[in-house]
């Protein structure tokens, strides 16, 4: 009985170790700062490469922020059009058609 229990405990421990190793050793699986830091340390990059990585990440973060801001502006614009359609009791598509007509006249 004890041998069976010890064997099960050992297998469970190995499974957990394999899971932890997989989760922390792969950047795609990293979900927090600690896991990402552990992965980056495992790469053993020189300071120069870390600085390049930092610059690249900063650029990607700025690009993502810009994309999210554009998306927010589009959503705000759509909301304004919806509010106009409700205010004048016409369909969303009709508001868009009127706006397109006005833009063509200019």
C-alpha atoms as a PDB file:
ATOM      1  CA  UNK A   1       0.000   0.000   0.000  1.00  0.00           C
ATOM      2  CA  UNK A   2       2.758   2.485   0.958  1.00  0.00           C
ATOM      3  CA  UNK A   3       4.783   1.589  -2.128  1.00  0.00           C
ATOM      4  CA  UNK A   4       1.758   2.209  -4.320  1.00  0.00           C
ATOM      5  CA  UNK A   5       1.123   5.541  -2.580  1.00  0.00           C
ATOM      6  CA  UNK A   6       4.795   6.529  -2.884  1.00  0.00           C
ATOM      7  CA  UNK A   7       4.768   5.626  -6.560  1.00  0.00           C
ATOM      8  CA  UNK A   8       1.626   7.701  -7.158  1.00  0.00           C
ATOM      9  CA  UNK A   9       3.134  10.631  -5.267  1.00  0.00           C
ATOM     10  CA  UNK A  10       6.340  10.382  -7.289  1.00  0.00           C
ATOM     11  CA  UNK A  11       4.432  10.276 -10.589  1.00  0.00           C
ATOM     12  CA  UNK A  12       2.281  13.221  -9.520  1.00  0.00           C
ATOM     13  CA  UNK A  13       5.389  15.193  -8.535  1.00  0.00           C
ATOM     14  CA  UNK A  14       7.050  14.451 -11.881  1.00  0.00           C
ATOM     15  CA  UNK A  15       3.902  15.476 -13.757  1.00  0.00           C
ATOM     16  CA  UNK A  16       3.716  18.721 -11.804  1.00  0.00           C
ATOM     17  CA  UNK A  17       7.419  19.396 -12.411  1.00  0.00           C
ATOM     18  CA  UNK A  18       6.973  18.803 -16.137  1.00  0.00           C
ATOM     19  CA  UNK A  19       3.953  21.104 -16.194  1.00  0.00           C
ATOM     20  CA  UNK A  20       5.766  23.870 -14.274  1.00  0.00           C
ATOM     21  CA  UNK A  21       8.812  23.520 -16.491  1.00  0.00           C
ATOM     22  CA  UNK A  22       6.689  23.742 -19.646  1.00  0.00           C
ATOM     23  CA  UNK A  23       4.725  26.724 -18.364  1.00  0.00           C
ATOM     24  CA  UNK A  24       7.733  28.710 -17.231  1.00  0.00           C
ATOM     25  CA  UNK A  25      10.145  27.756 -20.005  1.00  0.00           C
ATOM     26  CA  UNK A  26       8.001  28.925 -22.916  1.00  0.00           C
ATOM     27  CA  UNK A  27       7.296  32.583 -23.598  1.00  0.00           C
ATOM     28  CA  UNK A  28       3.968  31.763 -25.229  1.00  0.00           C
ATOM     29  CA  UNK A  29       2.818  30.246 -21.949  1.00  0.00           C
ATOM     30  CA  UNK A  30       4.100  33.117 -19.764  1.00  0.00           C
ATOM     31  CA  UNK A  31       1.184  34.986 -18.222  1.00  0.00           C
ATOM     32  CA  UNK A  32       2.866  37.182 -15.632  1.00  0.00           C
ATOM     33  CA  UNK A  33       5.993  39.220 -15.044  1.00  0.00           C
ATOM     34  CA  UNK A  34       7.740  36.478 -13.070  1.00  0.00           C
ATOM     35  CA  UNK A  35       7.259  33.851 -15.793  1.00  0.00           C
ATOM     36  CA  UNK A  36       8.376  36.231 -18.525  1.00  0.00           C
ATOM     37  CA  UNK A  37      11.407  37.265 -16.487  1.00  0.00           C
ATOM     38  CA  UNK A  38      12.335  33.620 -15.932  1.00  0.00           C
ATOM     39  CA  UNK A  39      12.066  32.918 -19.650  1.00  0.00           C
ATOM     40  CA  UNK A  40      14.158  35.949 -20.620  1.00  0.00           C
ATOM     41  CA  UNK A  41      16.830  35.015 -18.064  1.00  0.00           C
ATOM     42  CA  UNK A  42      16.918  31.514 -19.559  1.00  0.00           C
ATOM     43  CA  UNK A  43      17.884  33.066 -22.905  1.00  0.00           C
ATOM     44  CA  UNK A  44      21.086  34.353 -21.290  1.00  0.00           C
ATOM     45  CA  UNK A  45      21.217  37.451 -23.506  1.00  0.00           C
ATOM     46  CA  UNK A  46      24.049  39.955 -23.323  1.00  0.00           C
ATOM     47  CA  UNK A  47      23.259  43.512 -22.257  1.00  0.00           C
ATOM     48  CA  UNK A  48      23.338  44.660 -25.881  1.00  0.00           C
ATOM     49  CA  UNK A  49      20.767  42.068 -26.943  1.00  0.00           C
ATOM     50  CA  UNK A  50      18.584  42.855 -23.918  1.00  0.00           C
ATOM     51  CA  UNK A  51      18.620  46.544 -24.877  1.00  0.00           C
ATOM     52  CA  UNK A  52      17.598  45.661 -28.440  1.00  0.00           C
ATOM     53  CA  UNK A  53      14.826  43.457 -27.036  1.00  0.00           C
ATOM     54  CA  UNK A  54      13.687  46.281 -24.765  1.00  0.00           C
ATOM     55  CA  UNK A  55      13.613  48.769 -27.644  1.00  0.00           C
ATOM     56  CA  UNK A  56      11.655  46.339 -29.814  1.00  0.00           C
ATOM     57  CA  UNK A  57       9.142  45.604 -27.058  1.00  0.00           C
ATOM     58  CA  UNK A  58       8.686  49.335 -26.404  1.00  0.00           C
ATOM     59  CA  UNK A  59       8.002  49.941 -30.102  1.00  0.00           C
ATOM     60  CA  UNK A  60       5.487  47.087 -30.216  1.00  0.00           C
ATOM     61  CA  UNK A  61       3.750  48.393 -27.090  1.00  0.00           C
ATOM     62  CA  UNK A  62       3.453  51.881 -28.620  1.00  0.00           C
ATOM     63  CA  UNK A  63       2.115  50.407 -31.860  1.00  0.00           C
ATOM     64  CA  UNK A  64      -0.474  48.366 -29.944  1.00  0.00           C
ATOM     65  CA  UNK A  65      -1.512  51.444 -27.921  1.00  0.00           C
ATOM     66  CA  UNK A  66      -1.919  53.403 -31.157  1.00  0.00           C
ATOM     67  CA  UNK A  67      -4.057  50.635 -32.689  1.00  0.00           C
ATOM     68  CA  UNK A  68      -6.253  50.513 -29.588  1.00  0.00           C
ATOM     69  CA  UNK A  69      -6.661  54.303 -29.643  1.00  0.00           C
ATOM     70  CA  UNK A  70      -7.722  54.165 -33.320  1.00  0.00           C
ATOM     71  CA  UNK A  71     -10.161  51.384 -32.527  1.00  0.00           C
ATOM     72  CA  UNK A  72     -11.607  53.468 -29.695  1.00  0.00           C
ATOM     73  CA  UNK A  73     -11.993  56.478 -32.014  1.00  0.00           C
ATOM     74  CA  UNK A  74     -13.826  54.364 -34.588  1.00  0.00           C
ATOM     75  CA  UNK A  75     -16.148  53.003 -31.906  1.00  0.00           C
ATOM     76  CA  UNK A  76     -16.819  56.534 -30.619  1.00  0.00           C
ATOM     77  CA  UNK A  77     -17.597  57.686 -34.163  1.00  0.00           C
ATOM     78  CA  UNK A  78     -19.978  54.759 -34.694  1.00  0.00           C
ATOM     79  CA  UNK A  79     -21.721  55.578 -31.412  1.00  0.00           C
ATOM     80  CA  UNK A  80     -22.179  59.199 -32.526  1.00  0.00           C
ATOM     81  CA  UNK A  81     -23.720  58.025 -35.793  1.00  0.00           C
ATOM     82  CA  UNK A  82     -26.059  55.682 -33.912  1.00  0.00           C
ATOM     83  CA  UNK A  83     -27.092  58.554 -31.645  1.00  0.00           C
ATOM     84  CA  UNK A  84     -27.756  60.754 -34.705  1.00  0.00           C
ATOM     85  CA  UNK A  85     -29.925  58.053 -36.248  1.00  0.00           C
ATOM     86  CA  UNK A  86     -31.956  57.816 -33.044  1.00  0.00           C
ATOM     87  CA  UNK A  87     -32.214  61.584 -32.691  1.00  0.00           C
ATOM     88  CA  UNK A  88     -33.608  62.031 -36.198  1.00  0.00           C
ATOM     89  CA  UNK A  89     -35.470  58.714 -36.188  1.00  0.00           C
ATOM     90  CA  UNK A  90     -33.754  57.337 -39.314  1.00  0.00           C
ATOM     91  CA  UNK A  91     -31.744  54.192 -39.858  1.00  0.00           C
ATOM     92  CA  UNK A  92     -28.001  53.945 -39.360  1.00  0.00           C
ATOM     93  CA  UNK A  93     -27.531  53.191 -43.058  1.00  0.00           C
ATOM     94  CA  UNK A  94     -29.518  56.316 -44.025  1.00  0.00           C
ATOM     95  CA  UNK A  95     -27.276  58.471 -41.840  1.00  0.00           C
ATOM     96  CA  UNK A  96     -24.233  56.973 -43.557  1.00  0.00           C
ATOM     97  CA  UNK A  97     -25.775  57.634 -46.990  1.00  0.00           C
ATOM     98  CA  UNK A  98     -26.493  61.273 -46.077  1.00  0.00           C
ATOM     99  CA  UNK A  99     -22.941  61.707 -44.792  1.00  0.00           C
ATOM    100  CA  UNK A 100     -21.539  60.199 -48.003  1.00  0.00           C
ATOM    101  CA  UNK A 101     -23.711  62.549 -50.094  1.00  0.00           C
ATOM    102  CA  UNK A 102     -22.487  65.567 -48.151  1.00  0.00           C
ATOM    103  CA  UNK A 103     -18.866  64.455 -48.514  1.00  0.00           C
ATOM    104  CA  UNK A 104     -19.327  64.084 -52.300  1.00  0.00           C
ATOM    105  CA  UNK A 105     -20.802  67.576 -52.632  1.00  0.00           C
ATOM    106  CA  UNK A 106     -17.732  69.190 -51.064  1.00  0.00           C
END
